Amino acid sequence: MIDDDSLATSAPRNKAAVGLAAVLATVLLDQFVKYLIVLRVPYGTEVRVFRFLSFLHVHNSGVAFSFFRNHDSAALLLVTVGVTLLVVWFWLKNSGTALLSIGYGMILGGAIGNVIDRIARGQVVDFIFLHWQGWTFAIFNVADTAITLGVALLLVHAFFARADQGRASE
């Protein structure tokens, strides 16, 4: 499916298929893990995994990382999410490399995973709680992680594409 070149520079024969695989894998993993959390960790209960990591089952009525949790405009949220999904889908379909397709797929899959929660539950299940000696980070989930990693892949691609352009101009 991918040419013999490196993942960062190769163009998949079917870019959309690579991206769709990333979307599907992200949505399935996100929903499966959320299902397990809801099933196994009572709401509000913290289960320590490591000294710096716990599973803390909470619900987020806001957007990513609890932003706008007190905002009551569901219509604004749905329009914003809908437009974002369409834009990311367009970018995925027109991406030039497998790395971009995977990155866009992870972003799209993460967004879809959280939209599924929003529609099914009216809020998003969050549970990944990072903390260290009094410092805490926003509680998040697999979908949020996928979105973050997808953006990181886009940045890695941009960095290496710029570096390749610099070498080509020398």
Protein backbone atom coordinates (compact mmCIF):
# COMPACT_ATOMS: atom_id res chain seq x y z
CA MET A 1 0.00 0.00 0.00
CA ILE A 2 2.92 2.35 0.62
CA ASP A 3 5.79 2.94 -1.79
CA ASP A 4 9.28 1.77 -0.84
CA ASP A 5 10.33 5.26 0.27
CA SER A 6 10.17 6.29 3.91
CA LEU A 7 6.79 6.78 5.55
CA ALA A 8 7.33 10.54 5.72
CA THR A 9 7.95 10.97 2.01
CA SER A 10 6.02 8.19 0.29
CA ALA A 11 2.66 8.68 -1.33
CA PRO A 12 0.30 5.79 -0.60
CA ARG A 13 -1.53 4.38 -3.58
CA ASN A 14 -4.75 5.16 -1.79
CA LYS A 15 -4.16 7.94 0.71
CA ALA A 16 -7.76 7.94 1.85
CA ALA A 17 -7.57 4.21 2.73
CA VAL A 18 -4.56 4.79 4.99
CA GLY A 19 -6.30 7.72 6.65
CA LEU A 20 -9.58 5.82 7.00
CA ALA A 21 -7.73 2.93 8.66
CA ALA A 22 -6.31 5.42 11.18
CA VAL A 23 -9.79 6.90 11.72
CA LEU A 24 -11.34 3.47 12.28
CA ALA A 25 -8.56 2.24 14.58
CA THR A 26 -8.74 5.43 16.64
CA VAL A 27 -12.53 5.39 17.02
CA LEU A 28 -12.61 1.68 17.91
CA LEU A 29 -9.79 1.94 20.46
CA ASP A 30 -11.27 5.09 21.99
CA GLN A 31 -14.77 3.67 22.35
CA PHE A 32 -13.53 0.28 23.62
CA VAL A 33 -11.35 1.84 26.33
CA LYS A 34 -14.12 4.25 27.36
CA TYR A 35 -16.50 1.28 27.58
CA LEU A 36 -14.06 -0.51 29.88
CA ILE A 37 -13.62 2.59 32.06
CA VAL A 38 -17.38 3.10 32.40
CA LEU A 39 -17.81 -0.62 33.16
CA ARG A 40 -14.90 -1.05 35.60
CA VAL A 41 -14.15 2.32 37.24
CA PRO A 42 -17.03 3.91 39.18
CA TYR A 43 -17.63 7.58 38.39
CA GLY A 44 -15.35 9.83 40.43
CA THR A 45 -13.12 6.95 41.53
CA GLU A 46 -9.35 7.20 41.07
CA VAL A 47 -7.37 4.06 40.29
CA ARG A 48 -3.64 4.67 40.58
CA VAL A 49 -1.66 2.95 37.81
CA PHE A 50 1.76 4.53 38.39
CA ARG A 51 3.04 7.21 40.72
CA PHE A 52 2.29 9.83 38.02
CA LEU A 53 -0.70 8.22 36.27
CA SER A 54 -4.19 7.35 37.47
CA PHE A 55 -7.47 6.47 35.85
CA LEU A 56 -10.07 8.89 37.19
CA HIS A 57 -13.50 8.41 35.65
CA VAL A 58 -15.05 11.84 35.03
CA HIS A 59 -17.38 13.38 32.47
CA ASN A 60 -16.51 16.42 30.39
CA SER A 61 -19.39 18.54 29.19
CA GLY A 62 -17.00 20.91 27.42
CA VAL A 63 -14.74 20.54 24.43
CA ALA A 64 -11.15 19.23 24.30
CA PHE A 65 -9.43 19.21 27.68
CA SER A 66 -12.62 20.64 29.31
CA PHE A 67 -12.49 23.97 27.45
CA PHE A 68 -15.88 25.70 27.34
CA ARG A 69 -17.40 23.22 29.80
CA ASN A 70 -19.74 25.91 31.11
CA HIS A 71 -20.80 27.04 27.64
CA ASP A 72 -24.44 26.17 26.95
CA SER A 73 -24.55 26.54 23.17
CA ALA A 74 -24.86 22.98 21.89
CA ALA A 75 -25.69 24.30 18.41
CA LEU A 76 -22.45 26.30 18.26
CA LEU A 77 -20.50 23.25 19.39
CA LEU A 78 -22.13 20.98 16.79
CA VAL A 79 -21.57 23.46 13.96
CA THR A 80 -17.93 23.96 14.98
CA VAL A 81 -17.31 20.22 15.24
CA GLY A 82 -19.11 19.55 11.96
CA VAL A 83 -17.08 22.13 10.05
CA THR A 84 -13.87 20.87 11.64
CA LEU A 85 -14.65 17.27 10.66
CA LEU A 86 -15.31 18.31 7.05
CA VAL A 87 -12.10 20.35 6.84
CA VAL A 88 -9.96 17.56 8.31
CA TRP A 89 -11.62 15.01 5.97
CA PHE A 90 -10.77 17.24 3.00
CA TRP A 91 -7.15 17.50 4.17
CA LEU A 92 -6.99 13.73 4.70
CA LYS A 93 -8.28 13.02 1.19
CA ASN A 94 -5.76 15.45 -0.30
CA SER A 95 -2.74 14.62 1.86
CA GLY A 96 0.42 13.79 -0.02
CA THR A 97 2.02 11.21 2.25
CA ALA A 98 1.11 8.27 4.45
CA LEU A 99 2.35 10.18 7.49
CA LEU A 100 -0.05 13.04 6.78
CA SER A 101 -2.90 10.60 6.11
CA ILE A 102 -2.29 8.87 9.44
CA GLY A 103 -2.01 12.19 11.28
CA TYR A 104 -5.23 13.53 9.79
CA GLY A 105 -6.88 10.15 10.39
CA MET A 106 -5.95 10.24 14.07
CA ILE A 107 -7.29 13.78 14.41
CA LEU A 108 -10.52 12.87 12.65
CA GLY A 109 -10.89 9.61 14.59
CA GLY A 110 -10.34 11.36 17.91
CA ALA A 111 -12.90 14.02 17.06
CA ILE A 112 -15.42 11.37 15.98
CA GLY A 113 -14.80 9.37 19.18
CA ASN A 114 -15.62 12.38 21.31
CA VAL A 115 -18.64 13.27 19.15
CA ILE A 116 -19.98 9.73 19.67
CA ASP A 117 -19.76 10.28 23.43
CA ARG A 118 -21.39 13.69 23.16
CA ILE A 119 -24.31 12.24 21.17
CA ALA A 120 -24.68 9.00 23.19
CA ARG A 121 -24.07 10.41 26.69
CA GLY A 122 -24.43 14.18 26.36
CA GLN A 123 -20.83 14.48 27.58
CA VAL A 124 -17.44 12.91 27.02
CA VAL A 125 -15.88 10.22 29.22
CA ASP A 126 -12.40 11.28 30.39
CA PHE A 127 -10.12 9.18 32.57
CA ILE A 128 -6.38 9.65 31.95
CA PHE A 129 -5.08 11.68 34.89
CA LEU A 130 -1.43 12.76 34.92
CA HIS A 131 -0.05 14.14 38.18
CA TRP A 132 3.26 14.56 39.99
CA GLN A 133 3.94 15.94 43.47
CA GLY A 134 0.96 18.30 43.56
CA TRP A 135 1.07 19.16 39.84
CA THR A 136 -1.89 17.94 37.77
CA PHE A 137 -2.84 18.03 34.11
CA ALA A 138 -6.33 18.12 32.61
CA ILE A 139 -8.03 14.73 32.64
CA PHE A 140 -8.33 13.43 29.08
CA ASN A 141 -9.03 10.28 27.04
CA VAL A 142 -7.79 8.18 24.11
CA ALA A 143 -9.52 10.45 21.57
CA ASP A 144 -7.77 13.53 22.97
CA THR A 145 -4.47 11.63 22.89
CA ALA A 146 -5.03 10.63 19.26
CA ILE A 147 -5.79 14.23 18.30
CA THR A 148 -2.60 15.40 20.02
CA LEU A 149 -0.49 12.65 18.41
CA GLY A 150 -2.05 13.39 15.01
CA VAL A 151 -1.06 17.05 15.30
CA ALA A 152 2.44 15.94 16.37
CA LEU A 153 2.71 13.82 13.20
CA LEU A 154 1.72 16.82 11.09
CA LEU A 155 4.41 18.91 12.80
CA VAL A 156 7.03 16.18 12.30
CA HIS A 157 6.09 16.01 8.63
CA ALA A 158 6.28 19.78 8.27
CA PHE A 159 9.68 19.87 9.98
CA PHE A 160 11.18 17.18 7.77
CA ALA A 161 9.56 18.56 4.60
CA ARG A 162 11.08 21.99 5.38
CA ALA A 163 14.45 20.39 6.12
CA ASP A 164 14.32 18.51 2.80
CA GLN A 165 13.47 21.75 0.96
CA GLY A 166 16.44 23.44 2.64
CA ARG A 167 18.79 20.67 1.52
CA ALA A 168 17.38 20.75 -2.02
CA SER A 169 18.06 24.47 -2.34
CA GLU A 170 21.72 24.13 -1.29
